């Protein structure tokens, strides 16, 4: 006679294994922002704010509460992962021909935000999990009764049905975001031509990689052809369809696109794409970064000087000039350009942080006080920049204020998701800062958050 415990245990183990497999399959469809490399650039972020503002307002959201963030990933993708943040991959920006195409993508992602799709993700997973659990129980029962092959077949069919249900749920959300994004573009008076042309790019990618264009193929998104057809009817019905894009916005987009190429691509590839015979602003921008990355500071400086000759009061060209000099070991020479840049763009904390770094790098005691003032001003406007906190920590350390140097370092590690280091520095800061003061309270907050994060990590490790 078979031991009942031995009969049930394989069923329980198989249940756990298949449930975990389903969970992993679902999680693979979500791209967590925490795993991505965020690219920060003042000019790019300024462009994103201006090109997204009318769409955000059309979506009924507040522009100051919505961020568009650039991710250092060469794939053509964009996503939301909770909150009101749209993540755009560098590869998508490179693939887009114009600003209007990117606006179409942003509008679609705003549709996910207003639809609460990230929050509702659990609904689809729950429904699918119910199907797979039921099939696992039925399959285990069949196995216990001696029908091993039948039980395995029930389980496999249940898992496939669950995944199909989840994918169908996801496709409905994508279609909903398409329609919402179209309504935002139309309400904002922005043509939908860019949205359609970008969907056609995606369709061409599907053709290129021979992805089946049939409804029975497992997919997270609707067929691109169907999406194009549905959206074209919506876009063509409004006056904004024939509205010309903003030429100034387009000019800024081409600058940023070239700048990004120079910064992220292999320099040789950049110099082929933007040969020296091309004297346009985007080409010079791209080459300046390519030469700088290749350790040819003189050639990079020559391109920066040519840009400044055409627009001597452009803060981003001045920032570029200062960055090249600073990172080429000439911090004193970089100060003039960077000081002009923050004068012309006082609301750009990333440039201020770079200027503070240059002041510190001169190793001149007289520059430290100005560096502290500049860096504290930058942090007031943007306290999520680990680099600015790092530089401020250096200033405090040079002044002998070890407690506040530790607090700045704790802020940095907290932003970099390094709770153990953040906790150690927060506790060190609390020892030297008057109890109950704002800085002491802030150090205490970081310590509490860090301990909580470390405890969660321990629990995850114990459950593996």
Protein backbone atom coordinates (compact mmCIF):
# COMPACT_ATOMS: atom_id res chain seq x y z
CA UNK A 1 0.00 0.00 0.00
CA UNK A 2 1.39 3.44 -0.97
CA UNK A 3 2.33 5.88 1.78
CA UNK A 4 -0.16 8.84 1.47
CA UNK A 5 2.53 11.31 2.52
CA UNK A 6 4.79 10.14 -0.28
CA UNK A 7 1.93 10.44 -2.78
CA UNK A 8 1.06 14.01 -1.81
CA UNK A 9 4.58 15.37 -1.48
CA UNK A 10 5.44 15.21 -5.22
CA UNK A 11 2.17 17.05 -5.91
CA UNK A 12 3.05 19.80 -3.44
CA UNK A 13 6.58 20.13 -4.82
CA UNK A 14 5.35 20.27 -8.39
CA UNK A 15 2.71 22.81 -7.37
CA UNK A 16 5.37 25.02 -5.83
CA UNK A 17 7.69 24.66 -8.83
CA UNK A 18 5.01 25.48 -11.40
CA UNK A 19 3.60 28.34 -9.33
CA UNK A 20 7.12 29.78 -9.15
CA UNK A 21 7.56 29.31 -12.90
CA UNK A 22 4.33 31.21 -13.54
CA UNK A 23 5.41 34.00 -11.20
CA UNK A 24 8.75 34.27 -12.99
CA UNK A 25 6.98 34.33 -16.35
CA UNK A 26 4.82 37.22 -15.20
CA UNK A 27 7.71 39.13 -13.67
CA UNK A 28 9.67 38.82 -16.91
CA UNK A 29 7.02 40.93 -18.60
CA UNK A 30 7.66 43.83 -16.24
CA UNK A 31 10.89 45.78 -16.53
CA UNK A 32 11.70 47.25 -13.12
CA UNK A 33 13.06 50.77 -13.17
CA UNK A 34 15.39 49.99 -10.31
CA UNK A 35 17.38 47.66 -12.55
CA UNK A 36 17.99 50.34 -15.14
CA UNK A 37 20.80 52.86 -15.52
CA UNK A 38 19.36 56.37 -15.45
CA UNK A 39 21.05 58.98 -17.66
CA UNK A 40 20.94 62.55 -16.35
CA UNK A 41 21.46 65.52 -18.64
CA UNK A 42 20.15 69.05 -18.10
CA UNK A 43 19.38 69.78 -21.75
CA UNK A 44 17.63 66.43 -22.31
CA UNK A 45 15.49 66.79 -19.20
CA UNK A 46 14.57 70.34 -20.21
CA UNK A 47 13.49 69.07 -23.63
CA UNK A 48 11.44 66.24 -22.11
CA UNK A 49 9.64 68.71 -19.84
CA UNK A 50 8.69 71.01 -22.71
CA UNK A 51 7.63 68.29 -25.16
CA UNK A 52 5.56 66.43 -22.56
CA UNK A 53 3.92 69.37 -20.75
CA UNK A 54 0.93 69.83 -23.12
CA UNK A 55 0.32 66.06 -23.12
CA UNK A 56 0.47 65.84 -19.33
CA UNK A 57 -2.00 68.69 -19.01
CA UNK A 58 -4.29 67.07 -21.59
CA UNK A 59 -4.16 63.89 -19.49
CA UNK A 60 -5.46 65.84 -16.50
CA UNK A 61 -2.18 65.50 -14.59
CA UNK A 62 0.07 68.17 -13.09
CA UNK A 63 3.34 68.69 -15.03
CA UNK A 64 5.33 69.21 -11.83
CA UNK A 65 4.29 65.74 -10.65
CA UNK A 66 5.22 63.84 -13.81
CA UNK A 67 8.76 62.98 -14.85
CA UNK A 68 10.12 61.69 -18.14
CA UNK A 69 13.35 59.84 -17.42
CA UNK A 70 16.04 58.65 -19.85
CA UNK A 71 17.27 55.07 -19.35
CA UNK A 72 20.68 53.93 -20.56
CA UNK A 73 19.44 50.99 -22.62
CA UNK A 74 19.87 50.65 -26.37
CA UNK A 75 16.64 48.71 -26.93
CA UNK A 76 13.59 50.44 -28.39
CA UNK A 77 11.33 50.60 -25.38
CA UNK A 78 9.47 52.80 -22.94
CA UNK A 79 7.56 51.89 -19.80
CA UNK A 80 6.02 53.02 -16.54
CA UNK A 81 6.74 51.22 -13.29
CA UNK A 82 4.58 52.89 -10.68
CA UNK A 83 4.08 56.51 -9.75
CA UNK A 84 3.96 59.21 -12.42
CA UNK A 85 7.26 58.50 -14.14
CA UNK A 86 7.70 57.66 -17.82
CA UNK A 87 10.94 55.83 -18.61
CA UNK A 88 12.29 56.15 -22.15
CA UNK A 89 15.17 54.02 -23.37
CA UNK A 90 18.09 55.70 -25.11
CA UNK A 91 17.54 53.25 -27.97
CA UNK A 92 14.04 54.61 -28.52
CA UNK A 93 15.35 58.17 -28.72
CA UNK A 94 17.97 57.04 -31.23
CA UNK A 95 15.36 55.23 -33.34
CA UNK A 96 12.94 58.16 -33.42
CA UNK A 97 13.21 60.42 -36.48
CA UNK A 98 11.64 63.45 -34.83
CA UNK A 99 10.27 64.88 -31.60
CA UNK A 100 6.68 64.13 -32.62
CA UNK A 101 7.39 60.39 -32.63
CA UNK A 102 8.65 60.59 -29.05
CA UNK A 103 5.60 62.63 -28.06
CA UNK A 104 3.44 59.78 -29.36
CA UNK A 105 5.30 57.34 -27.12
CA UNK A 106 5.01 59.63 -24.10
CA UNK A 107 1.27 60.04 -24.72
CA UNK A 108 0.86 56.24 -24.80
CA UNK A 109 2.76 55.83 -21.50
CA UNK A 110 0.64 58.56 -19.92
CA UNK A 111 -2.32 56.41 -20.91
CA UNK A 112 -0.89 53.65 -18.73
CA UNK A 113 -0.51 56.10 -15.83
CA UNK A 114 -4.04 57.52 -16.02
CA UNK A 115 -5.44 54.03 -16.49
CA UNK A 116 -3.70 52.80 -13.34
CA UNK A 117 -2.32 49.87 -15.31
CA UNK A 118 0.70 49.22 -13.12
CA UNK A 119 -1.53 49.09 -10.05
CA UNK A 120 -4.03 46.86 -11.85
CA UNK A 121 -1.29 44.46 -12.97
CA UNK A 122 -2.15 42.34 -9.94
CA UNK A 123 -5.68 41.81 -11.25
CA UNK A 124 -4.42 40.05 -14.35
CA UNK A 125 -1.88 38.04 -12.39
CA UNK A 126 -4.48 37.02 -9.81
CA UNK A 127 -6.93 35.76 -12.42
CA UNK A 128 -4.21 33.82 -14.21
CA UNK A 129 -2.84 32.41 -10.96
CA UNK A 130 -6.34 31.13 -10.07
CA UNK A 131 -6.44 29.14 -13.30
CA UNK A 132 -3.00 27.63 -12.85
CA UNK A 133 -3.60 26.71 -9.20
CA UNK A 134 -6.83 24.96 -10.10
CA UNK A 135 -5.10 23.01 -12.87
CA UNK A 136 -2.27 22.10 -10.52
CA UNK A 137 -4.68 20.74 -7.94
CA UNK A 138 -6.57 18.73 -10.57
CA UNK A 139 -3.34 17.49 -12.04
CA UNK A 140 -1.97 16.49 -8.65
CA UNK A 141 -5.19 14.63 -7.93
CA UNK A 142 -4.89 12.78 -11.24
CA UNK A 143 -1.30 11.86 -10.42
CA UNK A 144 -2.27 10.65 -6.97
CA UNK A 145 -4.85 8.39 -8.62
CA UNK A 146 -2.15 6.90 -10.82
CA UNK A 147 -2.70 8.99 -13.95
CA UNK A 148 0.76 10.52 -14.22
CA UNK A 149 0.61 11.52 -17.88
CA UNK A 150 -2.94 12.84 -17.59
CA UNK A 151 -2.01 14.87 -14.52
CA UNK A 152 1.03 16.38 -16.25
CA UNK A 153 -1.14 17.23 -19.26
CA UNK A 154 -3.73 18.98 -17.09
CA UNK A 155 -1.00 21.02 -15.42
CA UNK A 156 0.65 22.00 -18.70
CA UNK A 157 -2.68 22.99 -20.24
CA UNK A 158 -3.56 25.03 -17.17
CA UNK A 159 -0.27 26.88 -17.23
CA UNK A 160 -0.73 27.72 -20.92
CA UNK A 161 -4.32 28.87 -20.33
CA UNK A 162 -3.20 31.04 -17.44
CA UNK A 163 -0.47 32.67 -19.49
CA UNK A 164 -2.86 33.28 -22.37
CA UNK A 165 -5.33 34.92 -20.01
CA UNK A 166 -2.63 37.15 -18.58
CA UNK A 167 -1.36 38.14 -22.03
CA UNK A 168 -4.91 38.93 -23.13
CA UNK A 169 -5.31 41.14 -20.05
CA UNK A 170 -2.07 42.93 -20.95
CA UNK A 171 -3.15 43.44 -24.56
CA UNK A 172 -6.37 45.09 -23.38
CA UNK A 173 -4.33 47.49 -21.28
CA UNK A 174 -2.09 48.33 -24.25
CA UNK A 175 -5.10 49.03 -26.47
CA UNK A 176 -6.56 51.22 -23.74
CA UNK A 177 -3.29 53.16 -23.46
CA UNK A 178 -3.25 53.59 -27.26
CA UNK A 179 -6.68 55.19 -27.24
CA UNK A 180 -5.94 57.34 -24.19
CA UNK A 181 -2.65 58.51 -25.69
CA UNK A 182 -4.42 59.44 -28.92
CA UNK A 183 -6.97 61.48 -27.01
CA UNK A 184 -4.18 63.32 -25.15
CA UNK A 185 -2.39 64.19 -28.41
CA UNK A 186 -5.62 65.39 -29.98
CA UNK A 187 -6.63 67.45 -26.96
CA UNK A 188 -3.17 69.04 -26.81
CA UNK A 189 -3.35 69.95 -30.50
CA UNK A 190 -0.37 67.75 -31.36
CA UNK A 191 -0.49 65.77 -34.59
CA UNK A 192 -0.67 62.01 -34.35
CA UNK A 193 1.49 61.47 -37.44
CA UNK A 194 4.54 60.82 -35.29
CA UNK A 195 2.65 58.24 -33.24
CA UNK A 196 1.65 56.32 -36.36
CA UNK A 197 5.10 56.51 -37.94
CA UNK A 198 6.67 55.11 -34.78
CA UNK A 199 4.18 52.24 -34.67
CA UNK A 200 5.16 51.50 -38.27
CA UNK A 201 8.79 51.33 -37.12
CA UNK A 202 7.76 48.73 -34.57
CA UNK A 203 5.86 46.82 -37.23
CA UNK A 204 8.94 46.83 -39.46
CA UNK A 205 10.96 45.42 -36.55
CA UNK A 206 8.42 42.61 -36.22
CA UNK A 207 8.72 41.85 -39.94
CA UNK A 208 12.50 41.98 -39.71
CA UNK A 209 12.62 39.40 -36.93
CA UNK A 210 9.86 37.30 -38.52
CA UNK A 211 7.47 37.68 -35.61
CA UNK A 212 4.15 36.10 -36.69
CA UNK A 213 1.42 38.65 -37.42
CA UNK A 214 -1.41 36.45 -36.21
CA UNK A 215 -3.73 36.63 -33.23
CA UNK A 216 -2.83 33.14 -32.01
CA UNK A 217 0.83 34.11 -31.43
CA UNK A 218 1.53 34.70 -27.70
CA UNK A 219 2.18 38.45 -27.33
CA UNK A 220 1.98 41.16 -24.69
CA UNK A 221 0.81 43.81 -27.18
CA UNK A 222 -1.88 43.89 -29.88
CA UNK A 223 -0.83 43.41 -33.49
CA UNK A 224 0.95 46.55 -34.72
CA UNK A 225 -1.11 46.57 -37.89
CA UNK A 226 -4.33 46.57 -35.91
CA UNK A 227 -3.04 49.34 -33.66
CA UNK A 228 -2.09 51.50 -36.63
CA UNK A 229 -5.48 51.04 -38.28
CA UNK A 230 -7.40 51.85 -35.08
CA UNK A 231 -5.31 54.93 -34.29
CA UNK A 232 -5.26 56.36 -37.80
CA UNK A 233 -9.05 56.68 -37.74
CA UNK A 234 -8.83 58.63 -34.48
CA UNK A 235 -5.98 60.91 -35.54
CA UNK A 236 -7.31 61.82 -38.97
CA UNK A 237 -10.63 62.99 -37.53
CA UNK A 238 -9.22 66.06 -35.75
CA UNK A 239 -7.79 69.39 -37.06
CA UNK A 240 -4.38 68.78 -35.44
CA UNK A 241 -3.68 65.97 -37.94
CA UNK A 242 -2.28 68.46 -40.46
CA UNK A 243 -0.72 70.77 -37.85
CA UNK A 244 3.00 71.27 -38.44
CA UNK A 245 5.28 70.31 -35.52
CA UNK A 246 7.03 73.07 -33.55
CA UNK A 247 10.28 73.76 -35.48
CA UNK A 248 12.13 74.97 -32.36
CA UNK A 249 11.20 71.80 -30.49
CA UNK A 250 12.37 69.74 -33.44
CA UNK A 251 15.68 71.61 -33.56
CA UNK A 252 16.23 70.92 -29.86
CA UNK A 253 15.34 67.25 -30.33
CA UNK A 254 17.91 66.78 -33.09
CA UNK A 255 20.55 68.36 -30.85
CA UNK A 256 19.73 66.05 -27.96
CA UNK A 257 19.59 63.00 -30.20
CA UNK A 258 23.05 63.75 -31.60
CA UNK A 259 24.40 64.56 -28.15
CA UNK A 260 23.12 61.22 -26.85
CA UNK A 261 24.71 59.39 -29.78
CA UNK A 262 28.04 61.04 -29.07
CA UNK A 263 27.79 60.16 -25.40
CA UNK A 264 26.59 56.53 -25.64
CA UNK A 265 27.79 55.18 -29.00
CA UNK A 266 31.23 53.93 -29.89
CA UNK A 267 33.24 57.01 -31.00
CA UNK A 268 34.17 55.41 -34.31
CA UNK A 269 30.52 54.83 -35.11
CA UNK A 270 29.67 58.41 -34.15
CA UNK A 271 32.39 59.84 -36.40
CA UNK A 272 31.11 57.77 -39.34
CA UNK A 273 27.54 58.89 -38.74
CA UNK A 274 28.57 62.53 -38.23
CA UNK A 275 31.62 63.06 -40.48
CA UNK A 276 33.73 66.22 -40.18
CA UNK A 277 32.31 67.46 -43.46
CA UNK A 278 29.00 67.92 -41.62
CA UNK A 279 29.12 71.37 -40.02
CA UNK A 280 25.60 71.35 -38.55
CA UNK A 281 25.04 71.91 -34.85
CA UNK A 282 23.91 68.31 -34.13
CA UNK A 283 26.96 66.91 -35.93
CA UNK A 284 29.38 69.14 -34.02
CA UNK A 285 27.63 68.22 -30.79
CA UNK A 286 28.00 64.49 -31.46
CA UNK A 287 31.64 64.80 -32.53
CA UNK A 288 32.54 66.87 -29.46
CA UNK A 289 31.45 64.02 -27.22
CA UNK A 290 33.04 61.39 -29.47
CA UNK A 291 36.41 63.15 -29.43
CA UNK A 292 36.15 63.72 -25.69
CA UNK A 293 35.42 60.02 -25.07
CA UNK A 294 38.36 59.12 -27.32
CA UNK A 295 40.73 61.27 -25.23
CA UNK A 296 41.28 63.93 -27.90
CA UNK A 297 40.53 67.03 -25.79
CA UNK A 298 41.90 69.49 -28.35
CA UNK A 299 39.58 68.21 -31.07
CA UNK A 300 36.64 68.09 -28.66
CA UNK A 301 37.39 71.67 -27.60
CA UNK A 302 37.53 72.77 -31.22
CA UNK A 303 34.00 71.45 -31.80
CA UNK A 304 32.77 73.11 -28.59
CA UNK A 305 34.35 76.41 -29.64
CA UNK A 306 32.66 76.19 -33.03
CA UNK A 307 29.30 75.67 -31.32
CA UNK A 308 29.92 78.66 -29.04
CA UNK A 309 30.92 80.79 -31.98
CA UNK A 310 27.46 80.22 -33.46
CA UNK A 311 25.65 80.66 -30.10
CA UNK A 312 27.93 82.22 -27.47
CA UNK A 313 25.17 82.46 -24.85
CA UNK A 314 23.89 78.90 -25.11
CA UNK A 315 24.19 77.45 -21.57
CA UNK A 316 24.44 73.87 -22.82
CA UNK A 317 27.32 74.66 -25.17
CA UNK A 318 29.03 76.42 -22.25
CA UNK A 319 28.35 73.38 -20.08
CA UNK A 320 29.94 71.17 -22.75
CA UNK A 321 33.01 73.39 -22.93
CA UNK A 322 33.40 73.35 -19.15
CA UNK A 323 32.90 69.59 -18.95
CA UNK A 324 35.59 68.92 -21.55
CA UNK A 325 38.09 71.15 -19.75
CA UNK A 326 37.24 69.77 -16.31
CA UNK A 327 37.44 66.12 -17.32
CA UNK A 328 40.65 66.81 -19.24
CA UNK A 329 42.36 67.90 -16.02
CA UNK A 330 41.87 71.65 -16.40
CA UNK A 331 39.36 72.61 -13.68
CA UNK A 332 40.53 76.23 -13.38
CA UNK A 333 40.01 76.80 -17.10
CA UNK A 334 36.55 75.21 -16.84
CA UNK A 335 35.27 77.69 -14.24
CA UNK A 336 34.59 80.58 -16.61
CA UNK A 337 32.42 78.55 -18.99
CA UNK A 338 30.51 76.84 -16.19
CA UNK A 339 29.96 80.07 -14.28
CA UNK A 340 28.47 81.61 -17.42
CA UNK A 341 26.33 78.53 -17.93
CA UNK A 342 24.69 78.70 -14.49
CA UNK A 343 24.21 82.45 -14.90
CA UNK A 344 22.30 81.82 -18.13
CA UNK A 345 20.48 78.75 -16.77
CA UNK A 346 20.12 79.28 -13.01
CA UNK A 347 17.32 76.71 -12.81
CA UNK A 348 19.50 73.79 -13.98
CA UNK A 349 20.84 72.01 -10.87
CA UNK A 350 22.83 69.48 -12.89
CA UNK A 351 24.97 72.27 -14.34
CA UNK A 352 25.34 73.79 -10.87
CA UNK A 353 26.55 70.42 -9.54
CA UNK A 354 29.14 70.25 -12.32
CA UNK A 355 30.29 73.78 -11.49
CA UNK A 356 30.59 72.83 -7.81
CA UNK A 357 32.70 69.83 -8.82
CA UNK A 358 34.99 72.09 -10.86
CA UNK A 359 35.42 74.49 -7.94
CA UNK A 360 36.42 71.63 -5.64
CA UNK A 361 38.75 70.13 -8.25
CA UNK A 362 40.87 73.30 -8.31
CA UNK A 363 42.05 72.31 -4.81
CA UNK A 364 42.01 76.00 -3.90
CA UNK A 365 40.71 76.68 -0.41
CA UNK A 366 39.16 79.95 -1.52
CA UNK A 367 36.81 78.09 -3.90
CA UNK A 368 35.33 75.74 -1.28
CA UNK A 369 32.89 78.25 0.17
CA UNK A 370 31.51 79.06 -3.27
CA UNK A 371 31.32 75.34 -4.05
CA UNK A 372 29.27 74.73 -0.89
CA UNK A 373 26.89 77.55 -1.79
CA UNK A 374 26.47 76.32 -5.36
CA UNK A 375 25.99 72.68 -4.36
CA UNK A 376 23.50 73.44 -1.62
CA UNK A 377 21.54 75.55 -4.09
CA UNK A 378 21.59 72.66 -6.59
CA UNK A 379 20.33 70.21 -3.97
CA UNK A 380 17.48 72.50 -2.96
CA UNK A 381 16.21 72.32 -6.54
CA UNK A 382 17.04 68.63 -7.03
CA UNK A 383 17.86 66.51 -4.00
CA UNK A 384 17.87 63.25 -5.98
CA UNK A 385 21.33 63.69 -7.51
CA UNK A 386 23.87 61.40 -5.74
CA UNK A 387 26.76 63.19 -7.45
CA UNK A 388 25.79 66.55 -5.94
CA UNK A 389 25.57 64.99 -2.46
CA UNK A 390 28.96 63.37 -2.98
CA UNK A 391 30.55 66.69 -3.89
CA UNK A 392 28.90 68.46 -0.96
CA UNK A 393 30.24 65.74 1.34
CA UNK A 394 33.74 66.51 0.09
CA UNK A 395 33.31 70.21 0.96
CA UNK A 396 32.10 69.41 4.48
CA UNK A 397 34.99 66.98 4.95
CA UNK A 398 37.53 69.60 3.89
CA UNK A 399 35.96 72.01 6.37
CA UNK A 400 36.29 69.45 9.15
CA UNK A 401 32.50 69.07 9.55
CA UNK A 402 32.61 65.28 9.68
CA UNK A 403 29.02 64.91 10.87
CA UNK A 404 27.53 66.74 7.90
CA UNK A 405 29.97 65.06 5.55
CA UNK A 406 28.57 61.77 6.86
CA UNK A 407 25.00 63.03 6.38
CA UNK A 408 25.72 64.02 2.77
CA UNK A 409 27.30 60.61 2.20
CA UNK A 410 24.26 58.93 3.75
CA UNK A 411 22.03 60.88 1.34
CA UNK A 412 24.17 59.70 -1.56
CA UNK A 413 24.08 56.03 -0.58
CA UNK A 414 20.34 56.22 0.14
CA UNK A 415 19.77 57.42 -3.44
CA UNK A 416 22.09 54.71 -4.79
CA UNK A 417 20.06 52.04 -2.96
CA UNK A 418 22.96 50.99 -0.70
CA UNK A 419 21.19 50.77 2.66
CA UNK A 420 24.05 49.30 4.67
CA UNK A 421 26.39 52.16 3.76
CA UNK A 422 23.59 54.71 4.14
CA UNK A 423 22.83 53.42 7.64
CA UNK A 424 26.45 53.52 8.78
CA UNK A 425 26.88 57.11 7.64
CA UNK A 426 23.50 58.23 9.00
CA UNK A 427 24.40 56.84 12.43
CA UNK A 428 27.80 58.56 12.26
CA UNK A 429 26.08 61.84 11.39
CA UNK A 430 23.67 61.57 14.32
CA UNK A 431 26.59 61.34 16.74
CA UNK A 432 27.86 64.80 15.76
CA UNK A 433 24.69 66.75 14.94
CA UNK A 434 22.55 68.33 17.70
CA UNK A 435 19.66 66.00 18.57
CA UNK A 436 16.31 67.24 17.29
CA UNK A 437 17.78 69.60 14.68
CA UNK A 438 16.54 69.29 11.06
CA UNK A 439 19.79 67.60 9.97
CA UNK A 440 19.60 65.15 12.89
CA UNK A 441 15.98 64.30 12.02
CA UNK A 442 16.96 63.75 8.40
CA UNK A 443 19.79 61.41 9.43
CA UNK A 444 17.34 59.52 11.64
CA UNK A 445 14.92 59.17 8.70
CA UNK A 446 17.65 57.73 6.48
CA UNK A 447 18.65 55.31 9.24
CA UNK A 448 15.07 54.09 9.64
CA UNK A 449 14.57 53.66 5.88
CA UNK A 450 17.91 51.86 5.56
CA UNK A 451 17.16 49.43 8.38
CA UNK A 452 13.78 48.67 6.81
CA UNK A 453 15.39 48.01 3.42
CA UNK A 454 18.02 45.74 4.98
CA UNK A 455 15.35 43.75 6.85
CA UNK A 456 13.39 43.28 3.61
CA UNK A 457 16.55 42.06 1.88
CA UNK A 458 17.14 39.55 4.68
CA UNK A 459 13.57 38.25 4.40
CA UNK A 460 13.93 37.86 0.64
CA UNK A 461 17.16 35.94 1.16
CA UNK A 462 15.53 33.66 3.73
CA UNK A 463 12.63 32.89 1.38
CA UNK A 464 14.81 31.88 -1.53
